[in-house]
Structures are given as C-alpha cells and as structure tokens.
PDB file of all heavy atoms in Angstrom:
ATOM      1  N   LYS A   1       0.697 -42.532  52.417  1.00  0.00           N
ATOM      2  CA  LYS A   1       0.976 -43.254  53.699  1.00  0.00           C
ATOM      3  C   LYS A   1       1.975 -44.328  53.451  1.00  0.00           C
ATOM      4  O   LYS A   1       1.972 -45.015  52.404  1.00  0.00           O
ATOM      5  CB  LYS A   1      -0.391 -43.638  54.331  1.00  0.00           C
ATOM      6  CG  LYS A   1      -1.206 -42.466  54.552  1.00  0.00           C
ATOM      7  CD  LYS A   1      -2.482 -42.844  55.254  1.00  0.00           C
ATOM      8  CE  LYS A   1      -3.372 -41.563  55.537  1.00  0.00           C
ATOM      9  NZ  LYS A   1      -4.785 -41.908  55.729  1.00  0.00           N
ATOM     10  N   PRO A   2       2.719 -44.696  54.516  1.00  0.00           N
ATOM     11  CA  PRO A   2       3.765 -45.745  54.358  1.00  0.00           C
ATOM     12  C   PRO A   2       3.221 -47.163  54.037  1.00  0.00           C
ATOM     13  O   PRO A   2       3.840 -48.013  53.492  1.00  0.00           O
ATOM     14  CB  PRO A   2       4.544 -45.729  55.659  1.00  0.00           C
ATOM     15  CG  PRO A   2       3.673 -44.977  56.648  1.00  0.00           C
ATOM     16  CD  PRO A   2       2.770 -44.064  55.846  1.00  0.00           C
ATOM     17  N   PHE A   3       1.888 -47.325  54.420  1.00  0.00           N
ATOM     18  CA  PHE A   3       1.310 -48.710  54.202  1.00  0.00           C
ATOM     19  C   PHE A   3       0.522 -48.849  52.916  1.00  0.00           C
ATOM     20  O   PHE A   3      -0.059 -49.857  52.595  1.00  0.00           O
ATOM     21  CB  PHE A   3       0.357 -49.071  55.419  1.00  0.00           C
ATOM     22  CG  PHE A   3      -0.669 -48.019  55.702  1.00  0.00           C
ATOM     23  CD1 PHE A   3      -1.868 -48.041  54.953  1.00  0.00           C
ATOM     24  CD2 PHE A   3      -0.528 -47.087  56.699  1.00  0.00           C
ATOM     25  CE1 PHE A   3      -2.859 -47.087  55.248  1.00  0.00           C
ATOM     26  CE2 PHE A   3      -1.487 -46.120  56.926  1.00  0.00           C
ATOM     27  CZ  PHE A   3      -2.610 -46.141  56.154  1.00  0.00           C
ATOM     28  N   PHE A   4       0.585 -47.843  51.996  1.00  0.00           N
ATOM     29  CA  PHE A   4      -0.100 -47.851  50.761  1.00  0.00           C
ATOM     30  C   PHE A   4       0.301 -49.081  49.888  1.00  0.00           C
ATOM     31  O   PHE A   4      -0.570 -49.885  49.428  1.00  0.00           O
ATOM     32  CB  PHE A   4       0.150 -46.588  49.936  1.00  0.00           C
ATOM     33  CG  PHE A   4      -0.443 -46.633  48.560  1.00  0.00           C
ATOM     34  CD1 PHE A   4      -1.770 -46.407  48.385  1.00  0.00           C
ATOM     35  CD2 PHE A   4       0.326 -46.806  47.447  1.00  0.00           C
ATOM     36  CE1 PHE A   4      -2.403 -46.454  47.049  1.00  0.00           C
ATOM     37  CE2 PHE A   4      -0.217 -46.755  46.112  1.00  0.00           C
ATOM     38  CZ  PHE A   4      -1.528 -46.572  46.022  1.00  0.00           C
ATOM     39  N   GLY A   5       1.559 -49.381  49.743  1.00  0.00           N
ATOM     40  CA  GLY A   5       2.010 -50.432  49.024  1.00  0.00           C
ATOM     41  C   GLY A   5       1.514 -51.830  49.541  1.00  0.00           C
ATOM     42  O   GLY A   5       1.175 -52.721  48.743  1.00  0.00           O
ATOM     43  N   GLU A   6       1.524 -51.952  50.855  1.00  0.00           N
ATOM     44  CA  GLU A   6       1.012 -53.127  51.488  1.00  0.00           C
ATOM     45  C   GLU A   6      -0.431 -53.349  51.216  1.00  0.00           C
ATOM     46  O   GLU A   6      -0.914 -54.514  50.948  1.00  0.00           O
ATOM     47  CB  GLU A   6       1.235 -53.092  53.027  1.00  0.00           C
ATOM     48  CG  GLU A   6       0.824 -54.317  53.739  1.00  0.00           C
ATOM     49  CD  GLU A   6       1.154 -54.153  55.260  1.00  0.00           C
ATOM     50  OE1 GLU A   6       1.627 -53.161  55.767  1.00  0.00           O
ATOM     51  OE2 GLU A   6       0.788 -55.240  55.992  1.00  0.00           O
ATOM     52  N   LEU A   7      -1.257 -52.265  51.259  1.00  0.00           N
ATOM     53  CA  LEU A   7      -2.689 -52.345  50.865  1.00  0.00           C
ATOM     54  C   LEU A   7      -2.920 -52.888  49.467  1.00  0.00           C
ATOM     55  O   LEU A   7      -3.736 -53.794  49.254  1.00  0.00           O
ATOM     56  CB  LEU A   7      -3.358 -50.976  51.041  1.00  0.00           C
ATOM     57  CG  LEU A   7      -3.567 -50.470  52.450  1.00  0.00           C
ATOM     58  CD1 LEU A   7      -4.088 -49.004  52.370  1.00  0.00           C
ATOM     59  CD2 LEU A   7      -4.382 -51.340  53.345  1.00  0.00           C
ATOM     60  N   VAL A   8      -2.175 -52.293  48.599  1.00  0.00           N
ATOM     61  CA  VAL A   8      -2.282 -52.778  47.158  1.00  0.00           C
ATOM     62  C   VAL A   8      -1.868 -54.150  46.933  1.00  0.00           C
ATOM     63  O   VAL A   8      -2.561 -54.884  46.243  1.00  0.00           O
ATOM     64  CB  VAL A   8      -1.469 -51.694  46.290  1.00  0.00           C
ATOM     65  CG1 VAL A   8      -1.350 -52.269  44.803  1.00  0.00           C
ATOM     66  CG2 VAL A   8      -2.026 -50.303  46.271  1.00  0.00           C
ATOM     67  N   GLU A   9      -0.745 -54.508  47.544  1.00  0.00           N
ATOM     68  CA  GLU A   9      -0.320 -55.967  47.333  1.00  0.00           C
ATOM     69  C   GLU A   9      -1.342 -56.926  48.015  1.00  0.00           C
ATOM     70  O   GLU A   9      -1.514 -58.002  47.394  1.00  0.00           O
ATOM     71  CB  GLU A   9       1.080 -56.182  48.072  1.00  0.00           C
ATOM     72  CG  GLU A   9       2.218 -55.380  47.465  1.00  0.00           C
ATOM     73  CD  GLU A   9       2.381 -55.789  45.951  1.00  0.00           C
ATOM     74  OE1 GLU A   9       2.293 -57.037  45.627  1.00  0.00           O
ATOM     75  OE2 GLU A   9       2.554 -54.927  45.120  1.00  0.00           O
ATOM     76  N   PHE A  10      -1.859 -56.543  49.109  1.00  0.00           N
ATOM     77  CA  PHE A  10      -2.814 -57.470  49.829  1.00  0.00           C
ATOM     78  C   PHE A  10      -4.078 -57.666  48.957  1.00  0.00           C
ATOM     79  O   PHE A  10      -4.544 -58.710  48.693  1.00  0.00           O
ATOM     80  CB  PHE A  10      -3.184 -56.900  51.173  1.00  0.00           C
ATOM     81  CG  PHE A  10      -4.223 -57.751  51.900  1.00  0.00           C
ATOM     82  CD1 PHE A  10      -4.001 -59.075  52.230  1.00  0.00           C
ATOM     83  CD2 PHE A  10      -5.500 -57.206  52.185  1.00  0.00           C
ATOM     84  CE1 PHE A  10      -4.984 -59.815  52.792  1.00  0.00           C
ATOM     85  CE2 PHE A  10      -6.463 -57.902  52.751  1.00  0.00           C
ATOM     86  CZ  PHE A  10      -6.209 -59.220  53.133  1.00  0.00           C
ATOM     87  N   ILE A  11      -4.693 -56.590  48.484  1.00  0.00           N
ATOM     88  CA  ILE A  11      -6.001 -56.703  47.745  1.00  0.00           C
ATOM     89  C   ILE A  11      -5.832 -57.327  46.340  1.00  0.00           C
ATOM     90  O   ILE A  11      -6.752 -57.892  45.808  1.00  0.00           O
ATOM     91  CB  ILE A  11      -6.678 -55.260  47.582  1.00  0.00           C
ATOM     92  CG1 ILE A  11      -8.195 -55.455  47.334  1.00  0.00           C
ATOM     93  CG2 ILE A  11      -6.079 -54.412  46.561  1.00  0.00           C
ATOM     94  CD1 ILE A  11      -9.039 -55.894  48.512  1.00  0.00           C
ATOM     95  N   THR A  12      -4.561 -57.290  45.873  1.00  0.00           N
ATOM     96  CA  THR A  12      -4.244 -57.979  44.559  1.00  0.00           C
ATOM     97  C   THR A  12      -3.825 -59.429  44.799  1.00  0.00           C
ATOM     98  O   THR A  12      -3.505 -60.076  43.756  1.00  0.00           O
ATOM     99  CB  THR A  12      -3.280 -57.199  43.729  1.00  0.00           C
ATOM    100  OG1 THR A  12      -2.032 -57.049  44.476  1.00  0.00           O
ATOM    101  CG2 THR A  12      -3.783 -55.787  43.428  1.00  0.00           C
ATOM    102  N   SER A  13      -3.715 -59.914  46.004  1.00  0.00           N
ATOM    103  CA  SER A  13      -3.066 -61.253  46.322  1.00  0.00           C
ATOM    104  C   SER A  13      -4.059 -62.399  45.969  1.00  0.00           C
ATOM    105  O   SER A  13      -3.628 -63.525  46.049  1.00  0.00           O
ATOM    106  CB  SER A  13      -2.664 -61.277  47.716  1.00  0.00           C
ATOM    107  OG  SER A  13      -3.711 -61.257  48.619  1.00  0.00           O
ATOM    108  N   GLY A  14      -5.266 -62.166  45.705  1.00  0.00           N
ATOM    109  CA  GLY A  14      -6.258 -63.220  45.495  1.00  0.00           C
ATOM    110  C   GLY A  14      -7.602 -62.618  45.142  1.00  0.00           C
ATOM    111  O   GLY A  14      -7.772 -61.404  45.127  1.00  0.00           O
ATOM    112  N   PRO A  15      -8.583 -63.440  44.893  1.00  0.00           N
ATOM    113  CA  PRO A  15      -9.944 -62.958  44.606  1.00  0.00           C
ATOM    114  C   PRO A  15     -10.610 -62.166  45.700  1.00  0.00           C
ATOM    115  O   PRO A  15     -10.314 -62.417  46.834  1.00  0.00           O
ATOM    116  CB  PRO A  15     -10.782 -64.232  44.307  1.00  0.00           C
ATOM    117  CG  PRO A  15      -9.779 -65.356  44.209  1.00  0.00           C
ATOM    118  CD  PRO A  15      -8.541 -64.943  44.901  1.00  0.00           C
ATOM    119  N   THR A  16     -11.297 -61.144  45.321  1.00  0.00           N
ATOM    120  CA  THR A  16     -12.137 -60.287  46.226  1.00  0.00           C
ATOM    121  C   THR A  16     -13.610 -60.431  45.731  1.00  0.00           C
ATOM    122  O   THR A  16     -13.865 -60.315  44.542  1.00  0.00           O
ATOM    123  CB  THR A  16     -11.618 -58.839  46.159  1.00  0.00           C
ATOM    124  OG1 THR A  16     -10.319 -58.790  46.687  1.00  0.00           O
ATOM    125  CG2 THR A  16     -12.472 -57.930  46.931  1.00  0.00           C
ATOM    126  N   LEU A  17     -14.493 -60.531  46.682  1.00  0.00           N
ATOM    127  CA  LEU A  17     -15.943 -60.514  46.411  1.00  0.00           C
ATOM    128  C   LEU A  17     -16.428 -59.060  46.719  1.00  0.00           C
ATOM    129  O   LEU A  17     -16.492 -58.679  47.859  1.00  0.00           O
ATOM    130  CB  LEU A  17     -16.692 -61.542  47.174  1.00  0.00           C
ATOM    131  CG  LEU A  17     -18.254 -61.667  46.870  1.00  0.00           C
ATOM    132  CD1 LEU A  17     -18.454 -62.001  45.402  1.00  0.00           C
ATOM    133  CD2 LEU A  17     -18.852 -62.749  47.753  1.00  0.00           C
ATOM    134  N   ALA A  18     -16.735 -58.338  45.641  1.00  0.00           N
ATOM    135  CA  ALA A  18     -17.334 -56.949  45.781  1.00  0.00           C
ATOM    136  C   ALA A  18     -18.813 -57.014  45.815  1.00  0.00           C
ATOM    137  O   ALA A  18     -19.450 -57.709  44.981  1.00  0.00           O
ATOM    138  CB  ALA A  18     -16.810 -56.083  44.613  1.00  0.00           C
ATOM    139  N   LEU A  19     -19.431 -56.364  46.807  1.00  0.00           N
ATOM    140  CA  LEU A  19     -20.878 -56.396  47.040  1.00  0.00           C
ATOM    141  C   LEU A  19     -21.391 -54.952  47.080  1.00  0.00           C
ATOM    142  O   LEU A  19     -20.681 -53.997  47.594  1.00  0.00           O
ATOM    143  CB  LEU A  19     -21.244 -57.034  48.303  1.00  0.00           C
ATOM    144  CG  LEU A  19     -20.600 -58.384  48.758  1.00  0.00           C
ATOM    145  CD1 LEU A  19     -20.978 -58.705  50.117  1.00  0.00           C
ATOM    146  CD2 LEU A  19     -21.048 -59.402  47.774  1.00  0.00           C
ATOM    147  N   VAL A  20     -22.531 -54.702  46.690  1.00  0.00           N
ATOM    148  CA  VAL A  20     -23.342 -53.502  46.951  1.00  0.00           C
ATOM    149  C   VAL A  20     -24.499 -53.913  47.762  1.00  0.00           C
ATOM    150  O   VAL A  20     -25.362 -54.767  47.336  1.00  0.00           O
ATOM    151  CB  VAL A  20     -23.861 -52.690  45.726  1.00  0.00           C
ATOM    152  CG1 VAL A  20     -24.652 -51.555  46.087  1.00  0.00           C
ATOM    153  CG2 VAL A  20     -22.553 -52.333  44.805  1.00  0.00           C
ATOM    154  N   LEU A  21     -24.520 -53.373  49.007  1.00  0.00           N
ATOM    155  CA  LEU A  21     -25.680 -53.646  49.921  1.00  0.00           C
ATOM    156  C   LEU A  21     -26.505 -52.372  50.006  1.00  0.00           C
ATOM    157  O   LEU A  21     -26.020 -51.269  49.935  1.00  0.00           O
ATOM    158  CB  LEU A  21     -25.109 -54.078  51.223  1.00  0.00           C
ATOM    159  CG  LEU A  21     -24.266 -55.364  51.340  1.00  0.00           C
ATOM    160  CD1 LEU A  21     -23.794 -55.605  52.788  1.00  0.00           C
ATOM    161  CD2 LEU A  21     -25.032 -56.580  50.810  1.00  0.00           C
ATOM    162  N   GLU A  22     -27.807 -52.583  50.347  1.00  0.00           N
ATOM    163  CA  GLU A  22     -28.732 -51.461  50.404  1.00  0.00           C
ATOM    164  C   GLU A  22     -29.660 -51.649  51.591  1.00  0.00           C
ATOM    165  O   GLU A  22     -30.007 -52.784  51.890  1.00  0.00           O
ATOM    166  CB  GLU A  22     -29.559 -51.422  49.063  1.00  0.00           C
ATOM    167  CG  GLU A  22     -30.471 -50.266  49.078  1.00  0.00           C
ATOM    168  CD  GLU A  22     -31.160 -50.134  47.658  1.00  0.00           C
ATOM    169  OE1 GLU A  22     -30.645 -49.508  46.779  1.00  0.00           O
ATOM    170  OE2 GLU A  22     -32.281 -50.758  47.472  1.00  0.00           O
ATOM    171  N   GLY A  23     -29.968 -50.594  52.246  1.00  0.00           N
ATOM    172  CA  GLY A  23     -30.991 -50.618  53.297  1.00  0.00           C
ATOM    173  C   GLY A  23     -30.927 -49.292  54.021  1.00  0.00           C
ATOM    174  O   GLY A  23     -30.147 -48.406  53.828  1.00  0.00           O
ATOM    175  N   GLU A  24     -31.846 -49.159  54.989  1.00  0.00           N
ATOM    176  CA  GLU A  24     -31.909 -47.983  55.792  1.00  0.00           C
ATOM    177  C   GLU A  24     -30.678 -47.903  56.664  1.00  0.00           C
ATOM    178  O   GLU A  24     -30.269 -48.846  57.346  1.00  0.00           O
ATOM    179  CB  GLU A  24     -33.142 -48.015  56.718  1.00  0.00           C
ATOM    180  CG  GLU A  24     -34.432 -47.814  55.907  1.00  0.00           C
ATOM    181  CD  GLU A  24     -35.650 -47.571  56.833  1.00  0.00           C
ATOM    182  OE1 GLU A  24     -35.386 -47.103  57.991  1.00  0.00           O
ATOM    183  OE2 GLU A  24     -36.684 -47.856  56.386  1.00  0.00           O
ATOM    184  N   GLY A  25     -29.955 -46.757  56.599  1.00  0.00           N
ATOM    185  CA  GLY A  25     -28.759 -46.606  57.378  1.00  0.00           C
ATOM    186  C   GLY A  25     -27.661 -47.638  57.031  1.00  0.00           C
ATOM    187  O   GLY A  25     -26.884 -47.989  57.974  1.00  0.00           O
TER     188      GLY A  25
END
C-alpha cells in the first residue's frame, strides 16, 4: 500500500509502549 513507508517511519519515530491485555472478549 502507498502508506506503508509512512507507517514504518511513524512507529519508529519515538518510543512505543507495547501491552498485552487479557479479558473476556
């Protein structure tokens, strides 16, 4: 997709907090 590069640049532009959440639904 044409916006792939923009996604990659954005997510690499600073820290990201990755979480795993759990629960019903």
